Amino acid sequence: MMYTDKQKELLEKVEALRKEKQLGQNAVCRLIGVSETVFSQVKNGKYNADPQKFFDTLAGYFGVKERAELTHTEVKYAPTNISNQVYNIIENCQNKGGLAVICGDAGIGKSKVAQKFVADNASNSFLITINPCLNNAKNLLQAIANRIGVIVKKTNAS
């Protein structure tokens, strides 16, 4: 089956996305919202029906992505009431010695503040982000030791 240049470009974008995200064909099709069977048939030129609806779906997906890239700008740091409070907490921990756990809703800027603090104080601070798999103090202390270059000797008591 012969496809237009635009249709070929859309198929190439799917492949580029698959490689960029390191996904298999099934996973990239789920991400885009198209049938893997239809995708495979279209890609191999064996789709018997009119593929225009399929290509419209691809065009819609990539159109949204491209518009988002054109309109979205990453904010490195925004001084707000919350970000100023978080920055001050981190600064107090560094100045007075101590440890703080800062919790809050996703997207309020906790990570951006921590990254800014480390950038502002690069000679005497570092940032470790953790996730739920770091579920005990021993694992956290190991992550800190690794980050600052301390070699931890294993003992039977560990």
N, C-alpha and C. Protein backbone atom coordinates (compact mmCIF):
# COMPACT_ATOMS: atom_id res chain seq x y z
N MET A 1 0.85 -1.17 0.00
CA MET A 1 0.00 0.00 0.00
C MET A 1 0.89 1.24 0.00
N MET A 2 0.52 2.23 -0.73
CA MET A 2 1.28 3.47 -0.84
C MET A 2 0.72 4.50 0.14
N TYR A 3 1.59 5.12 0.88
CA TYR A 3 1.17 6.15 1.82
C TYR A 3 1.73 7.49 1.39
N THR A 4 1.05 8.55 1.83
CA THR A 4 1.53 9.91 1.52
C THR A 4 2.78 10.18 2.36
N ASP A 5 3.47 11.24 2.00
CA ASP A 5 4.66 11.61 2.78
C ASP A 5 4.28 11.91 4.23
N LYS A 6 3.14 12.56 4.44
CA LYS A 6 2.68 12.89 5.79
C LYS A 6 2.41 11.61 6.58
N GLN A 7 1.78 10.63 5.94
CA GLN A 7 1.49 9.37 6.62
C GLN A 7 2.78 8.63 6.96
N LYS A 8 3.75 8.62 6.04
CA LYS A 8 5.04 7.99 6.30
C LYS A 8 5.75 8.68 7.47
N GLU A 9 5.63 10.00 7.51
CA GLU A 9 6.25 10.79 8.58
C GLU A 9 5.63 10.40 9.94
N LEU A 10 4.31 10.20 9.96
CA LEU A 10 3.65 9.80 11.20
C LEU A 10 4.14 8.43 11.66
N LEU A 11 4.30 7.49 10.74
CA LEU A 11 4.82 6.18 11.09
C LEU A 11 6.25 6.28 11.63
N GLU A 12 7.05 7.16 11.04
CA GLU A 12 8.42 7.38 11.51
C GLU A 12 8.42 8.00 12.91
N LYS A 13 7.45 8.87 13.18
CA LYS A 13 7.36 9.48 14.51
C LYS A 13 7.03 8.44 15.57
N VAL A 14 6.19 7.47 15.21
CA VAL A 14 5.88 6.40 16.16
C VAL A 14 7.15 5.62 16.49
N GLU A 15 7.91 5.30 15.48
CA GLU A 15 9.15 4.56 15.69
C GLU A 15 10.14 5.38 16.52
N ALA A 16 10.25 6.67 16.24
CA ALA A 16 11.15 7.53 17.01
C ALA A 16 10.71 7.60 18.47
N LEU A 17 9.40 7.70 18.70
CA LEU A 17 8.87 7.73 20.06
C LEU A 17 9.16 6.41 20.77
N ARG A 18 8.99 5.32 20.08
CA ARG A 18 9.26 4.00 20.65
C ARG A 18 10.72 3.91 21.11
N LYS A 19 11.63 4.38 20.27
CA LYS A 19 13.05 4.33 20.61
C LYS A 19 13.37 5.29 21.76
N GLU A 20 12.80 6.50 21.69
CA GLU A 20 13.05 7.51 22.73
C GLU A 20 12.60 7.02 24.10
N LYS A 21 11.44 6.41 24.15
CA LYS A 21 10.88 5.94 25.42
C LYS A 21 11.33 4.52 25.76
N GLN A 22 12.07 3.90 24.84
CA GLN A 22 12.56 2.53 25.01
C GLN A 22 11.39 1.57 25.31
N LEU A 23 10.40 1.63 24.42
CA LEU A 23 9.21 0.82 24.56
C LEU A 23 9.12 -0.21 23.45
N GLY A 24 8.40 -1.26 23.71
CA GLY A 24 8.07 -2.21 22.66
C GLY A 24 6.92 -1.65 21.84
N GLN A 25 6.61 -2.33 20.75
CA GLN A 25 5.55 -1.86 19.87
C GLN A 25 4.19 -1.84 20.58
N ASN A 26 3.89 -2.87 21.38
CA ASN A 26 2.62 -2.90 22.10
C ASN A 26 2.50 -1.71 23.04
N ALA A 27 3.55 -1.43 23.78
CA ALA A 27 3.53 -0.34 24.76
C ALA A 27 3.38 1.02 24.09
N VAL A 28 4.08 1.24 22.99
CA VAL A 28 3.97 2.54 22.33
C VAL A 28 2.57 2.71 21.73
N CYS A 29 1.97 1.64 21.25
CA CYS A 29 0.61 1.71 20.71
C CYS A 29 -0.38 2.05 21.83
N ARG A 30 -0.21 1.44 23.01
CA ARG A 30 -1.07 1.77 24.15
C ARG A 30 -0.91 3.24 24.53
N LEU A 31 0.33 3.73 24.53
CA LEU A 31 0.60 5.12 24.87
C LEU A 31 -0.12 6.07 23.92
N ILE A 32 -0.08 5.77 22.64
CA ILE A 32 -0.69 6.63 21.63
C ILE A 32 -2.20 6.45 21.58
N GLY A 33 -2.65 5.24 21.91
CA GLY A 33 -4.08 4.96 21.88
C GLY A 33 -4.54 4.34 20.57
N VAL A 34 -3.68 3.52 19.98
CA VAL A 34 -4.04 2.83 18.73
C VAL A 34 -3.89 1.33 18.93
N SER A 35 -4.59 0.58 18.11
CA SER A 35 -4.50 -0.87 18.16
C SER A 35 -3.15 -1.33 17.64
N GLU A 36 -2.51 -2.22 18.39
CA GLU A 36 -1.21 -2.74 17.96
C GLU A 36 -1.37 -3.55 16.68
N THR A 37 -2.48 -4.27 16.55
CA THR A 37 -2.73 -5.07 15.35
C THR A 37 -2.86 -4.17 14.13
N VAL A 38 -3.67 -3.11 14.27
CA VAL A 38 -3.84 -2.17 13.15
C VAL A 38 -2.51 -1.51 12.82
N PHE A 39 -1.78 -1.09 13.85
CA PHE A 39 -0.49 -0.45 13.62
C PHE A 39 0.43 -1.38 12.82
N SER A 40 0.51 -2.63 13.26
CA SER A 40 1.38 -3.59 12.59
C SER A 40 0.96 -3.79 11.13
N GLN A 41 -0.34 -3.89 10.89
CA GLN A 41 -0.83 -4.08 9.52
C GLN A 41 -0.55 -2.85 8.66
N VAL A 42 -0.78 -1.66 9.22
CA VAL A 42 -0.52 -0.42 8.46
C VAL A 42 0.97 -0.31 8.17
N LYS A 43 1.78 -0.54 9.18
CA LYS A 43 3.24 -0.43 9.03
C LYS A 43 3.77 -1.38 7.95
N ASN A 44 3.18 -2.56 7.87
CA ASN A 44 3.62 -3.55 6.90
C ASN A 44 2.87 -3.47 5.57
N GLY A 45 2.00 -2.45 5.42
CA GLY A 45 1.26 -2.28 4.18
C GLY A 45 0.21 -3.35 3.93
N LYS A 46 -0.30 -3.98 4.98
CA LYS A 46 -1.25 -5.07 4.83
C LYS A 46 -2.63 -4.75 5.41
N TYR A 47 -2.87 -3.48 5.69
CA TYR A 47 -4.17 -3.09 6.25
C TYR A 47 -5.15 -2.94 5.10
N ASN A 48 -6.24 -3.72 5.14
CA ASN A 48 -7.17 -3.76 4.02
C ASN A 48 -8.19 -2.62 4.02
N ALA A 49 -8.48 -2.07 5.18
CA ALA A 49 -9.47 -0.99 5.25
C ALA A 49 -8.78 0.36 5.01
N ASP A 50 -9.58 1.42 5.00
CA ASP A 50 -9.04 2.77 4.83
C ASP A 50 -8.30 3.15 6.12
N PRO A 51 -7.02 3.44 6.06
CA PRO A 51 -6.25 3.73 7.28
C PRO A 51 -6.35 5.18 7.76
N GLN A 52 -7.20 5.99 7.14
CA GLN A 52 -7.23 7.41 7.47
C GLN A 52 -7.55 7.67 8.94
N LYS A 53 -8.51 6.93 9.52
CA LYS A 53 -8.85 7.12 10.93
C LYS A 53 -7.62 6.85 11.81
N PHE A 54 -6.88 5.80 11.46
CA PHE A 54 -5.66 5.46 12.18
C PHE A 54 -4.66 6.62 12.10
N PHE A 55 -4.45 7.15 10.90
CA PHE A 55 -3.50 8.25 10.73
C PHE A 55 -4.00 9.52 11.40
N ASP A 56 -5.32 9.71 11.45
CA ASP A 56 -5.88 10.87 12.16
C ASP A 56 -5.56 10.78 13.65
N THR A 57 -5.64 9.57 14.21
CA THR A 57 -5.31 9.37 15.62
C THR A 57 -3.84 9.69 15.87
N LEU A 58 -2.97 9.20 15.00
CA LEU A 58 -1.54 9.52 15.14
C LEU A 58 -1.29 11.01 15.03
N ALA A 59 -1.91 11.65 14.05
CA ALA A 59 -1.73 13.10 13.85
C ALA A 59 -2.22 13.87 15.07
N GLY A 60 -3.34 13.42 15.65
CA GLY A 60 -3.85 14.09 16.85
C GLY A 60 -2.89 13.95 18.01
N TYR A 61 -2.34 12.76 18.21
CA TYR A 61 -1.41 12.53 19.31
C TYR A 61 -0.16 13.39 19.15
N PHE A 62 0.44 13.34 17.98
CA PHE A 62 1.68 14.10 17.78
C PHE A 62 1.42 15.59 17.70
N GLY A 63 0.25 15.99 17.24
CA GLY A 63 -0.10 17.41 17.21
C GLY A 63 -0.17 17.99 18.61
N VAL A 64 -0.79 17.24 19.52
CA VAL A 64 -0.88 17.69 20.91
C VAL A 64 0.52 17.78 21.51
N LYS A 65 1.35 16.77 21.27
CA LYS A 65 2.72 16.79 21.80
C LYS A 65 3.50 18.00 21.29
N GLU A 66 3.36 18.28 19.99
CA GLU A 66 4.11 19.39 19.40
C GLU A 66 3.61 20.73 19.93
N ARG A 67 2.28 20.88 20.08
CA ARG A 67 1.75 22.13 20.64
C ARG A 67 2.20 22.30 22.08
N ALA A 68 2.25 21.21 22.84
CA ALA A 68 2.70 21.28 24.23
C ALA A 68 4.16 21.72 24.30
N GLU A 69 4.98 21.21 23.40
CA GLU A 69 6.39 21.60 23.40
C GLU A 69 6.55 23.07 23.05
N LEU A 70 5.68 23.59 22.19
CA LEU A 70 5.76 25.00 21.80
C LEU A 70 5.26 25.93 22.89
N THR A 71 4.29 25.47 23.68
CA THR A 71 3.67 26.37 24.66
C THR A 71 4.19 26.17 26.07
N HIS A 72 4.80 25.03 26.37
CA HIS A 72 5.25 24.75 27.73
C HIS A 72 6.68 25.23 27.93
N THR A 73 6.89 25.97 28.98
CA THR A 73 8.24 26.35 29.35
C THR A 73 8.48 25.90 30.79
N GLU A 74 9.57 25.24 31.00
CA GLU A 74 9.92 24.73 32.32
C GLU A 74 10.33 25.89 33.22
N VAL A 75 9.74 25.94 34.40
CA VAL A 75 10.12 26.94 35.40
C VAL A 75 11.13 26.29 36.32
N LYS A 76 12.34 26.83 36.34
CA LYS A 76 13.38 26.25 37.18
C LYS A 76 13.09 26.50 38.66
N TYR A 77 12.65 27.70 39.00
CA TYR A 77 12.35 28.03 40.38
C TYR A 77 11.46 29.25 40.39
N ALA A 78 10.45 29.21 41.22
CA ALA A 78 9.55 30.36 41.35
C ALA A 78 9.45 30.71 42.83
N PRO A 79 9.91 31.89 43.20
CA PRO A 79 9.81 32.27 44.61
C PRO A 79 8.34 32.53 44.98
N THR A 80 7.82 31.66 45.82
CA THR A 80 6.45 31.79 46.33
C THR A 80 6.52 31.70 47.84
N ASN A 81 5.41 31.88 48.50
CA ASN A 81 5.37 31.75 49.94
C ASN A 81 5.84 30.36 50.37
N ILE A 82 5.33 29.35 49.69
CA ILE A 82 5.71 27.97 50.03
C ILE A 82 7.18 27.72 49.73
N SER A 83 7.64 28.12 48.54
CA SER A 83 9.03 27.85 48.19
C SER A 83 9.99 28.59 49.13
N ASN A 84 9.64 29.79 49.54
CA ASN A 84 10.49 30.53 50.49
C ASN A 84 10.55 29.82 51.84
N GLN A 85 9.40 29.28 52.29
CA GLN A 85 9.39 28.54 53.56
C GLN A 85 10.25 27.28 53.47
N VAL A 86 10.11 26.56 52.39
CA VAL A 86 10.90 25.33 52.21
C VAL A 86 12.39 25.67 52.16
N TYR A 87 12.75 26.70 51.41
CA TYR A 87 14.15 27.12 51.31
C TYR A 87 14.69 27.45 52.71
N ASN A 88 13.91 28.18 53.50
CA ASN A 88 14.35 28.55 54.86
C ASN A 88 14.51 27.33 55.76
N ILE A 89 13.64 26.35 55.63
CA ILE A 89 13.76 25.12 56.42
C ILE A 89 15.06 24.40 56.08
N ILE A 90 15.35 24.28 54.79
CA ILE A 90 16.59 23.62 54.37
C ILE A 90 17.80 24.40 54.88
N GLU A 91 17.75 25.71 54.74
CA GLU A 91 18.85 26.56 55.19
C GLU A 91 19.07 26.43 56.70
N ASN A 92 17.99 26.40 57.48
CA ASN A 92 18.11 26.23 58.93
C ASN A 92 18.73 24.89 59.29
N CYS A 93 18.34 23.84 58.58
CA CYS A 93 18.93 22.53 58.84
C CYS A 93 20.43 22.55 58.57
N GLN A 94 20.82 23.22 57.52
CA GLN A 94 22.24 23.27 57.21
C GLN A 94 22.99 24.12 58.24
N ASN A 95 22.43 25.25 58.62
CA ASN A 95 23.11 26.16 59.54
C ASN A 95 23.17 25.63 60.97
N LYS A 96 22.09 25.01 61.42
CA LYS A 96 22.00 24.58 62.81
C LYS A 96 22.28 23.09 62.98
N GLY A 97 22.36 22.39 61.87
CA GLY A 97 22.54 20.94 61.94
C GLY A 97 21.18 20.29 62.17
N GLY A 98 20.90 19.34 61.39
CA GLY A 98 19.61 18.68 61.57
C GLY A 98 19.13 18.08 60.27
N LEU A 99 17.99 17.50 60.36
CA LEU A 99 17.39 16.82 59.24
C LEU A 99 15.93 17.21 59.20
N ALA A 100 15.42 17.45 58.04
CA ALA A 100 14.00 17.79 57.89
C ALA A 100 13.41 16.92 56.80
N VAL A 101 12.17 16.58 56.99
CA VAL A 101 11.41 15.90 55.96
C VAL A 101 10.32 16.87 55.53
N ILE A 102 10.30 17.18 54.26
CA ILE A 102 9.33 18.16 53.75
C ILE A 102 8.32 17.41 52.89
N CYS A 103 7.08 17.48 53.31
CA CYS A 103 6.00 16.80 52.59
C CYS A 103 5.01 17.84 52.10
N GLY A 104 4.40 17.57 51.01
CA GLY A 104 3.38 18.47 50.49
C GLY A 104 2.82 17.92 49.20
N ASP A 105 1.80 18.57 48.71
CA ASP A 105 1.15 18.13 47.47
C ASP A 105 2.14 18.12 46.32
N ALA A 106 1.91 17.22 45.40
CA ALA A 106 2.74 17.15 44.20
C ALA A 106 2.58 18.43 43.40
N GLY A 107 3.68 18.92 42.88
CA GLY A 107 3.64 20.08 42.00
C GLY A 107 3.75 21.43 42.68
N ILE A 108 3.95 21.47 44.01
CA ILE A 108 4.04 22.77 44.67
C ILE A 108 5.45 23.33 44.66
N GLY A 109 6.42 22.51 44.22
CA GLY A 109 7.77 23.04 44.04
C GLY A 109 8.80 22.57 45.04
N LYS A 110 8.51 21.55 45.82
CA LYS A 110 9.47 21.09 46.83
C LYS A 110 10.80 20.69 46.20
N SER A 111 10.75 19.92 45.14
CA SER A 111 11.99 19.47 44.49
C SER A 111 12.73 20.63 43.85
N LYS A 112 12.00 21.56 43.24
CA LYS A 112 12.65 22.72 42.61
C LYS A 112 13.37 23.56 43.66
N VAL A 113 12.76 23.72 44.84
CA VAL A 113 13.41 24.49 45.91
C VAL A 113 14.69 23.79 46.36
N ALA A 114 14.61 22.50 46.56
CA ALA A 114 15.80 21.75 46.99
C ALA A 114 16.90 21.85 45.94
N GLN A 115 16.53 21.74 44.66
CA GLN A 115 17.52 21.87 43.59
C GLN A 115 18.13 23.26 43.59
N LYS A 116 17.33 24.30 43.84
CA LYS A 116 17.85 25.67 43.89
C LYS A 116 18.80 25.83 45.06
N PHE A 117 18.42 25.29 46.22
CA PHE A 117 19.29 25.41 47.38
C PHE A 117 20.64 24.75 47.12
N VAL A 118 20.63 23.57 46.55
CA VAL A 118 21.89 22.89 46.24
C VAL A 118 22.70 23.69 45.23
N ALA A 119 22.04 24.26 44.23
CA ALA A 119 22.75 25.09 43.25
C ALA A 119 23.36 26.32 43.92
N ASP A 120 22.63 26.92 44.86
CA ASP A 120 23.12 28.10 45.57
C ASP A 120 24.24 27.76 46.56
N ASN A 121 24.29 26.52 47.00
CA ASN A 121 25.25 26.09 48.02
C ASN A 121 25.99 24.83 47.59
N ALA A 122 26.46 24.85 46.37
CA ALA A 122 27.04 23.65 45.76
C ALA A 122 28.27 23.13 46.49
N SER A 123 29.00 23.98 47.17
CA SER A 123 30.23 23.52 47.82
C SER A 123 29.98 22.74 49.11
N ASN A 124 28.79 22.88 49.68
CA ASN A 124 28.57 22.20 50.96
C ASN A 124 27.18 21.56 51.09
N SER A 125 26.61 21.19 49.99
CA SER A 125 25.31 20.52 50.06
C SER A 125 25.13 19.59 48.87
N PHE A 126 24.26 18.62 49.04
CA PHE A 126 23.92 17.71 47.95
C PHE A 126 22.47 17.30 48.14
N LEU A 127 21.91 16.75 47.10
CA LEU A 127 20.50 16.38 47.10
C LEU A 127 20.37 14.90 46.80
N ILE A 128 19.59 14.23 47.62
CA ILE A 128 19.23 12.85 47.36
C ILE A 128 17.71 12.80 47.33
N THR A 129 17.17 12.27 46.27
CA THR A 129 15.73 12.05 46.22
C THR A 129 15.50 10.57 46.42
N ILE A 130 14.45 10.25 47.14
CA ILE A 130 14.17 8.85 47.42
C ILE A 130 12.75 8.53 47.01
N ASN A 131 12.51 7.26 46.87
CA ASN A 131 11.16 6.81 46.58
C ASN A 131 10.80 5.71 47.57
N PRO A 132 9.59 5.20 47.53
CA PRO A 132 9.16 4.23 48.55
C PRO A 132 10.01 2.96 48.65
N CYS A 133 10.80 2.64 47.63
CA CYS A 133 11.62 1.43 47.75
C CYS A 133 12.74 1.62 48.76
N LEU A 134 13.07 2.85 49.11
CA LEU A 134 14.04 3.13 50.17
C LEU A 134 13.26 3.18 51.47
N ASN A 135 12.89 2.02 51.97
CA ASN A 135 11.87 1.95 53.02
C ASN A 135 12.40 1.79 54.44
N ASN A 136 13.70 1.98 54.64
CA ASN A 136 14.19 1.93 56.02
C ASN A 136 15.42 2.81 56.16
N ALA A 137 15.79 3.06 57.41
CA ALA A 137 16.91 3.97 57.69
C ALA A 137 18.23 3.45 57.13
N LYS A 138 18.43 2.14 57.17
CA LYS A 138 19.68 1.56 56.68
C LYS A 138 19.86 1.88 55.19
N ASN A 139 18.80 1.72 54.40
CA ASN A 139 18.87 2.03 52.97
C ASN A 139 19.12 3.51 52.73
N LEU A 140 18.47 4.36 53.52
CA LEU A 140 18.68 5.80 53.38
C LEU A 140 20.12 6.17 53.73
N LEU A 141 20.63 5.63 54.82
CA LEU A 141 22.02 5.92 55.21
C LEU A 141 23.00 5.40 54.17
N GLN A 142 22.69 4.27 53.55
CA GLN A 142 23.55 3.74 52.48
C GLN A 142 23.55 4.69 51.29
N ALA A 143 22.38 5.24 50.95
CA ALA A 143 22.29 6.19 49.84
C ALA A 143 23.10 7.45 50.13
N ILE A 144 23.03 7.92 51.37
CA ILE A 144 23.81 9.10 51.76
C ILE A 144 25.30 8.78 51.70
N ALA A 145 25.70 7.63 52.24
CA ALA A 145 27.12 7.24 52.20
C ALA A 145 27.61 7.15 50.77
N ASN A 146 26.82 6.55 49.90
CA ASN A 146 27.21 6.45 48.49
C ASN A 146 27.37 7.83 47.88
N ARG A 147 26.46 8.74 48.20
CA ARG A 147 26.47 10.08 47.60
C ARG A 147 27.70 10.89 48.03
N ILE A 148 28.13 10.72 49.30
CA ILE A 148 29.28 11.49 49.77
C ILE A 148 30.59 10.73 49.65
N GLY A 149 30.52 9.51 49.10
CA GLY A 149 31.74 8.77 48.81
C GLY A 149 32.31 7.99 49.98
N VAL A 150 31.50 7.67 50.97
CA VAL A 150 31.97 6.89 52.11
C VAL A 150 31.80 5.42 51.79
N ILE A 151 32.84 4.65 52.02
CA ILE A 151 32.76 3.21 51.79
C ILE A 151 32.28 2.57 53.08
N VAL A 152 31.19 1.86 53.02
CA VAL A 152 30.61 1.22 54.18
C VAL A 152 31.02 -0.24 54.17
N LYS A 153 31.66 -0.66 55.25
CA LYS A 153 32.09 -2.06 55.37
C LYS A 153 30.93 -2.86 55.95
N LYS A 154 30.66 -3.95 55.31
CA LYS A 154 29.60 -4.83 55.79
C LYS A 154 30.08 -5.61 56.99
N THR A 155 29.22 -5.74 58.00
CA THR A 155 29.54 -6.55 59.17
C THR A 155 28.38 -7.51 59.39
N ASN A 156 28.58 -8.45 60.29
CA ASN A 156 27.51 -9.37 60.62
C ASN A 156 26.35 -8.67 61.30
N ALA A 157 26.64 -7.54 61.95
CA ALA A 157 25.60 -6.79 62.64
C ALA A 157 24.76 -5.95 61.67
N SER A 158 25.22 -5.77 60.41
CA SER A 158 24.50 -4.93 59.47
C SER A 158 23.20 -5.52 59.07
